[in-house]
Amino acid sequence: MRKSYTPTINELQAFAACARLGTTTRAAAELNLTQSAVSRSLGTLEERLGVALFDRVRKRLSLSPAGQVFLAQAEEILGQIDRAAMGAMAFGGARAVLRMAVLPSFARSWLIPRLAGFEAAQPEVSLDLSARLLPMEFEHEPFDLAIMRSRHEPAGAEVENLVAEELIVVAAPNLMAGRAALEDDALLALPLLQQSTRPTLWLDWFRESGRDARHILRGARFDHFDMILDAASAGMGLGLVPAIIAEGALASGRLVQATPRRFATGENYALILPERAREAPHVSAFRDWLRAEIGA
């Protein structure tokens, strides 16, 4: 039988601890093992790989060149095992874990405030939500679904448009100075908060007006729409944001709509499902709940 060159978890843990702490004694204390057990694991690992991973100097361990290369990969493997274990533990008493990748601002401003309703309706489903801006690669990431803009359609995925993206201008009530609505000239007299990942939105808003782009693009820049909502609420300027993301801030009175005009970007917020998850009961339950919430 061919000899295995694959290290055991115990060997990787002993190696990583010794690399971090510098002695087998300290590593043994951290791992709750004897010093001799840690030394044996290191010896077995070096014999298995046929290379010295440490230089031994006065009872101190320092990584050899081979050990320096091996450490980063060993720590990544141990981290992956930890993450896999925590992912399994997340099931707890749940029937299923629903893993979602969602645009950050949509998640914070619209989805999360409503998720308690889904949990109440589906108590056997545990939620695992991650923020994503870039298009999904379902073959490399274990998500059951994504909520993204429709332009982020991955190959082989099912895309269901939820709501058209319409932009509105929002402002803190005190910034309006008693005015019910602002025309374009009045908008340009105020700071325009910029979305750095979609930097042309204000240009699109003023496209038909013939205004100077240099004037339009002035203003503080923020990565996400929810940051723009916060900045607008603080009176820093006007925000140009998707209407669905501004719903909560408008309903609470934290922000007001500065003009009744809306601008359709031609894109949609979409539910994106990989083929492997389309028929899963917990995914179907979430899709039905999401449709009802969007339509409410």
Protein backbone atom coordinates (compact mmCIF):
# COMPACT_ATOMS: atom_id res chain seq x y z
CA MET A 1 0.00 0.00 0.00
CA ARG A 2 1.34 3.43 -0.98
CA LYS A 3 2.38 5.58 1.96
CA SER A 4 0.08 8.52 2.62
CA TYR A 5 1.61 11.97 2.47
CA THR A 6 -1.55 13.64 3.76
CA PRO A 7 -1.10 15.05 7.29
CA THR A 8 -3.61 14.32 10.00
CA ILE A 9 -5.58 17.08 11.73
CA ASN A 10 -3.62 16.49 14.94
CA GLU A 11 -0.36 16.97 13.07
CA LEU A 12 -1.56 20.20 11.46
CA GLN A 13 -2.80 21.54 14.79
CA ALA A 14 0.50 20.73 16.48
CA PHE A 15 2.48 22.33 13.65
CA ALA A 16 0.37 25.52 13.62
CA ALA A 17 0.50 25.89 17.40
CA CYS A 18 4.27 25.43 17.50
CA ALA A 19 4.73 27.93 14.68
CA ARG A 20 2.65 30.48 16.57
CA LEU A 21 4.04 29.88 20.08
CA GLY A 22 7.65 28.85 19.43
CA THR A 23 7.89 25.84 21.76
CA THR A 24 6.30 22.43 22.03
CA THR A 25 5.61 23.08 25.73
CA ARG A 26 3.46 26.13 25.04
CA ALA A 27 1.78 24.40 22.11
CA ALA A 28 0.96 21.41 24.33
CA ALA A 29 -0.64 23.68 26.94
CA GLU A 30 -2.78 25.38 24.29
CA LEU A 31 -3.87 22.07 22.75
CA ASN A 32 -4.39 20.38 26.12
CA LEU A 33 -1.87 17.66 25.21
CA THR A 34 1.40 16.46 26.65
CA GLN A 35 4.64 17.93 25.37
CA SER A 36 5.74 14.52 24.15
CA ALA A 37 2.51 14.09 22.14
CA VAL A 38 3.11 17.39 20.37
CA SER A 39 6.74 16.46 19.68
CA ARG A 40 5.64 13.11 18.23
CA SER A 41 3.13 14.82 15.97
CA LEU A 42 5.77 17.21 14.67
CA GLY A 43 8.23 14.38 14.10
CA THR A 44 5.65 12.28 12.27
CA LEU A 45 4.64 15.26 10.11
CA GLU A 46 8.23 16.06 9.11
CA GLU A 47 8.89 12.39 8.37
CA ARG A 48 5.71 12.20 6.33
CA LEU A 49 6.69 15.23 4.24
CA GLY A 50 10.41 14.45 4.12
CA VAL A 51 11.40 17.99 5.07
CA ALA A 52 12.31 19.91 8.21
CA LEU A 53 9.57 22.42 9.04
CA PHE A 54 11.42 24.03 11.96
CA ASP A 55 14.93 25.05 12.88
CA ARG A 56 15.64 24.10 16.50
CA VAL A 57 17.73 26.68 18.33
CA ARG A 58 18.10 26.53 22.14
CA LYS A 59 14.75 24.81 22.67
CA ARG A 60 13.04 27.41 20.48
CA LEU A 61 11.32 26.54 17.24
CA SER A 62 11.59 28.86 14.24
CA LEU A 63 10.06 28.08 10.89
CA SER A 64 12.33 26.82 8.15
CA PRO A 65 11.75 28.09 4.60
CA ALA A 66 9.64 25.00 3.92
CA GLY A 67 7.70 25.58 7.14
CA GLN A 68 6.96 29.19 6.19
CA VAL A 69 5.44 28.05 2.90
CA PHE A 70 3.48 25.25 4.59
CA LEU A 71 2.09 27.36 7.46
CA ALA A 72 -0.32 29.54 5.48
CA GLN A 73 -1.84 26.53 3.74
CA ALA A 74 -2.03 24.51 6.96
CA GLU A 75 -3.85 27.36 8.74
CA GLU A 76 -6.24 27.72 5.80
CA ILE A 77 -7.04 23.98 5.94
CA LEU A 78 -7.69 24.15 9.68
CA GLY A 79 -9.85 27.23 9.16
CA GLN A 80 -11.87 25.46 6.48
CA ILE A 81 -12.45 22.51 8.83
CA ASP A 82 -13.60 24.89 11.58
CA ARG A 83 -15.97 26.67 9.20
CA ALA A 84 -17.35 23.37 7.94
CA ALA A 85 -17.96 22.21 11.52
CA MET A 86 -19.70 25.47 12.43
CA GLY A 87 -21.80 25.21 9.29
CA ALA A 88 -22.97 21.74 10.35
CA MET A 89 -23.59 22.93 13.91
CA ALA A 90 -25.76 25.75 12.56
CA PHE A 91 -28.46 23.17 11.83
CA GLY A 92 -28.92 22.57 15.58
CA GLY A 93 -32.51 21.43 15.87
CA ALA A 94 -33.42 22.97 12.52
CA ARG A 95 -34.64 20.95 9.59
CA ALA A 96 -32.58 23.03 7.16
CA VAL A 97 -30.24 26.01 6.91
CA LEU A 98 -31.12 28.61 4.27
CA ARG A 99 -27.92 30.19 2.98
CA MET A 100 -28.49 33.51 1.23
CA ALA A 101 -26.21 35.97 -0.55
CA VAL A 102 -27.83 39.40 -0.69
CA LEU A 103 -26.87 42.87 -1.83
CA PRO A 104 -25.73 44.66 1.37
CA SER A 105 -28.09 47.64 1.24
CA PHE A 106 -31.09 45.54 0.24
CA ALA A 107 -30.33 43.17 3.11
CA ARG A 108 -29.94 45.86 5.75
CA SER A 109 -32.66 48.27 4.70
CA TRP A 110 -35.39 45.98 3.37
CA LEU A 111 -34.84 42.26 4.00
CA ILE A 112 -33.54 42.02 7.57
CA PRO A 113 -36.33 44.15 9.11
CA ARG A 114 -38.81 41.62 7.67
CA LEU A 115 -36.99 38.33 8.35
CA ALA A 116 -38.59 37.81 11.75
CA GLY A 117 -41.81 37.15 9.88
CA PHE A 118 -40.19 34.36 7.88
CA GLU A 119 -38.68 32.84 11.02
CA ALA A 120 -42.07 32.85 12.71
CA ALA A 121 -43.63 31.11 9.69
CA GLN A 122 -40.76 28.62 9.26
CA PRO A 123 -39.29 27.93 12.73
CA GLU A 124 -37.51 24.80 11.51
CA VAL A 125 -35.37 26.77 9.04
CA SER A 126 -32.18 28.43 10.29
CA LEU A 127 -30.95 31.50 8.39
CA ASP A 128 -27.40 32.18 7.20
CA LEU A 129 -27.18 35.54 5.40
CA SER A 130 -24.07 36.96 3.73
CA ALA A 131 -23.56 40.27 1.93
CA ARG A 132 -22.40 40.12 -1.69
CA LEU A 133 -21.86 42.78 -4.35
CA LEU A 134 -20.23 40.72 -7.08
CA PRO A 135 -22.01 38.21 -9.33
CA MET A 136 -22.49 34.79 -7.76
CA GLU A 137 -20.54 31.66 -8.63
CA PHE A 138 -22.81 29.01 -7.18
CA GLU A 139 -20.47 26.19 -8.19
CA HIS A 140 -17.85 27.56 -5.80
CA GLU A 141 -20.05 28.91 -2.97
CA PRO A 142 -22.65 26.89 -1.03
CA PHE A 143 -25.53 29.37 -1.25
CA ASP A 144 -29.11 28.27 -1.79
CA LEU A 145 -30.13 31.58 -3.35
CA ALA A 146 -29.07 35.14 -4.01
CA ILE A 147 -30.89 38.45 -4.20
CA MET A 148 -29.01 40.66 -6.62
CA ARG A 149 -29.61 43.05 -9.49
CA SER A 150 -30.81 41.23 -12.59
CA ARG A 151 -27.60 42.00 -14.48
CA HIS A 152 -25.81 39.59 -12.12
CA GLU A 153 -27.36 36.49 -13.70
CA PRO A 154 -25.01 33.48 -13.39
CA ALA A 155 -24.97 30.82 -16.08
CA GLY A 156 -27.42 28.00 -15.44
CA ALA A 157 -29.31 29.82 -12.69
CA GLU A 158 -33.01 30.61 -12.55
CA VAL A 159 -33.72 34.33 -12.28
CA GLU A 160 -37.05 35.69 -11.03
CA ASN A 161 -37.45 39.45 -11.19
CA LEU A 162 -38.92 40.78 -7.93
CA VAL A 163 -39.24 44.52 -8.41
CA ALA A 164 -38.00 47.09 -10.91
CA GLU A 165 -35.23 49.34 -9.66
CA GLU A 166 -36.52 52.92 -9.49
CA LEU A 167 -34.36 55.67 -8.03
CA ILE A 168 -35.73 58.51 -5.93
CA VAL A 169 -34.09 61.54 -4.33
CA VAL A 170 -34.25 61.64 -0.54
CA ALA A 171 -33.29 64.28 2.00
CA ALA A 172 -33.42 64.98 5.70
CA PRO A 173 -36.56 67.01 6.47
CA ASN A 174 -34.57 70.02 7.70
CA LEU A 175 -32.63 70.15 4.41
CA MET A 176 -35.88 70.85 2.56
CA ALA A 177 -36.34 74.13 4.48
CA GLY A 178 -40.10 73.84 4.35
CA ARG A 179 -40.27 73.15 0.62
CA ALA A 180 -42.55 70.32 -0.53
CA ALA A 181 -40.49 69.46 -3.63
CA LEU A 182 -37.31 70.60 -5.35
CA GLU A 183 -36.72 71.27 -9.04
CA ASP A 184 -33.42 70.31 -10.67
CA ASP A 185 -31.85 73.74 -10.07
CA ALA A 186 -32.64 73.47 -6.36
CA LEU A 187 -31.26 69.93 -6.25
CA LEU A 188 -27.98 71.09 -7.74
CA ALA A 189 -27.71 73.83 -5.12
CA LEU A 190 -27.37 71.12 -2.45
CA PRO A 191 -24.62 68.52 -1.96
CA LEU A 192 -25.28 65.37 -4.01
CA LEU A 193 -24.18 62.20 -2.19
CA GLN A 194 -22.35 59.90 -4.59
CA GLN A 195 -22.52 56.08 -4.80
CA SER A 196 -18.93 55.06 -5.53
CA THR A 197 -19.72 51.61 -6.95
CA ARG A 198 -22.32 53.12 -9.35
CA PRO A 199 -20.81 56.55 -9.99
CA THR A 200 -22.97 57.57 -12.97
CA LEU A 201 -26.38 57.56 -11.22
CA TRP A 202 -26.61 61.33 -10.73
CA LEU A 203 -25.38 61.84 -14.30
CA ASP A 204 -28.20 59.57 -15.47
CA TRP A 205 -30.71 61.54 -13.39
CA PHE A 206 -29.66 64.85 -14.99
CA ARG A 207 -28.93 63.41 -18.45
CA GLU A 208 -31.67 65.36 -20.22
CA SER A 209 -30.98 68.63 -18.43
CA GLY A 210 -27.65 69.52 -20.06
CA ARG A 211 -26.05 70.31 -16.69
CA ASP A 212 -22.26 70.40 -16.24
CA ALA A 213 -21.04 66.97 -15.14
CA ARG A 214 -18.36 68.55 -12.96
CA HIS A 215 -21.08 70.15 -10.88
CA ILE A 216 -23.15 66.96 -10.70
CA LEU A 217 -20.34 64.71 -9.47
CA ARG A 218 -19.34 66.83 -6.48
CA GLY A 219 -20.21 65.43 -3.09
CA ALA A 220 -19.16 62.87 -0.52
CA ARG A 221 -18.81 59.32 -1.83
CA PHE A 222 -20.08 56.14 -0.20
CA ASP A 223 -19.83 52.45 -1.09
CA HIS A 224 -23.40 51.37 -0.31
CA PHE A 225 -26.90 52.79 -0.56
CA ASP A 226 -27.55 52.24 3.14
CA MET A 227 -24.53 54.46 3.87
CA ILE A 228 -26.07 57.11 1.63
CA LEU A 229 -29.34 56.81 3.57
CA ASP A 230 -27.46 57.38 6.82
CA ALA A 231 -25.54 60.32 5.37
CA ALA A 232 -28.73 61.89 4.00
CA SER A 233 -30.44 61.41 7.37
CA ALA A 234 -27.55 63.27 8.98
CA GLY A 235 -28.17 66.23 6.65
CA MET A 236 -25.02 65.75 4.58
CA GLY A 237 -26.86 66.12 1.29
CA LEU A 238 -29.29 64.52 -1.12
CA GLY A 239 -29.29 60.79 -1.72
CA LEU A 240 -30.26 59.10 -4.99
CA VAL A 241 -31.32 55.64 -3.91
CA PRO A 242 -33.61 52.77 -4.96
CA ALA A 243 -37.15 53.39 -3.75
CA ILE A 244 -37.43 49.92 -2.20
CA ILE A 245 -34.33 50.51 -0.09
CA ALA A 246 -35.61 53.88 1.13
CA GLU A 247 -39.04 52.54 2.21
CA GLY A 248 -38.21 52.21 5.90
CA ALA A 249 -36.49 55.58 6.21
CA LEU A 250 -39.39 57.32 4.46
CA ALA A 251 -42.03 55.54 6.54
CA SER A 252 -40.30 56.51 9.78
CA GLY A 253 -39.97 60.16 8.75
CA ARG A 254 -36.19 60.01 8.97
CA LEU A 255 -36.09 61.03 5.31
CA VAL A 256 -38.51 62.65 2.87
CA GLN A 257 -38.72 62.44 -0.89
CA ALA A 258 -37.22 65.63 -2.28
CA THR A 259 -39.03 65.44 -5.63
CA PRO A 260 -41.89 63.23 -6.85
CA ARG A 261 -39.91 62.29 -9.93
CA ARG A 262 -38.59 58.72 -10.24
CA PHE A 263 -35.90 57.33 -12.51
CA ALA A 264 -36.09 53.73 -13.80
CA THR A 265 -32.65 52.21 -14.30
CA GLY A 266 -33.92 49.38 -16.51
CA GLU A 267 -32.73 46.78 -13.99
CA ASN A 268 -34.59 44.68 -11.44
CA TYR A 269 -33.93 43.24 -8.04
CA ALA A 270 -34.03 39.53 -8.68
CA LEU A 271 -34.15 36.23 -6.83
CA ILE A 272 -31.46 33.95 -8.27
CA LEU A 273 -31.58 30.20 -7.66
CA PRO A 274 -28.94 27.61 -8.55
CA GLU A 275 -30.29 24.45 -10.13
CA ARG A 276 -29.40 22.31 -7.10
CA ALA A 277 -31.65 24.33 -4.76
CA ARG A 278 -34.72 25.09 -6.86
CA GLU A 279 -36.91 22.30 -5.50
CA ALA A 280 -35.68 22.35 -1.89
CA PRO A 281 -38.67 22.86 0.45
CA HIS A 282 -37.00 25.56 2.55
CA VAL A 283 -36.01 27.49 -0.60
CA SER A 284 -39.54 27.23 -1.99
CA ALA A 285 -40.95 28.44 1.33
CA PHE A 286 -38.66 31.48 1.29
CA ARG A 287 -39.51 32.26 -2.32
CA ASP A 288 -43.24 32.21 -1.57
CA TRP A 289 -42.75 34.40 1.51
CA LEU A 290 -40.55 36.85 -0.44
CA ARG A 291 -43.11 37.17 -3.24
CA ALA A 292 -45.80 37.98 -0.69
CA GLU A 293 -43.64 40.59 1.06
CA ILE A 294 -42.63 42.28 -2.19
CA GLY A 295 -46.25 42.43 -3.26
CA ALA A 296 -47.54 43.70 0.09
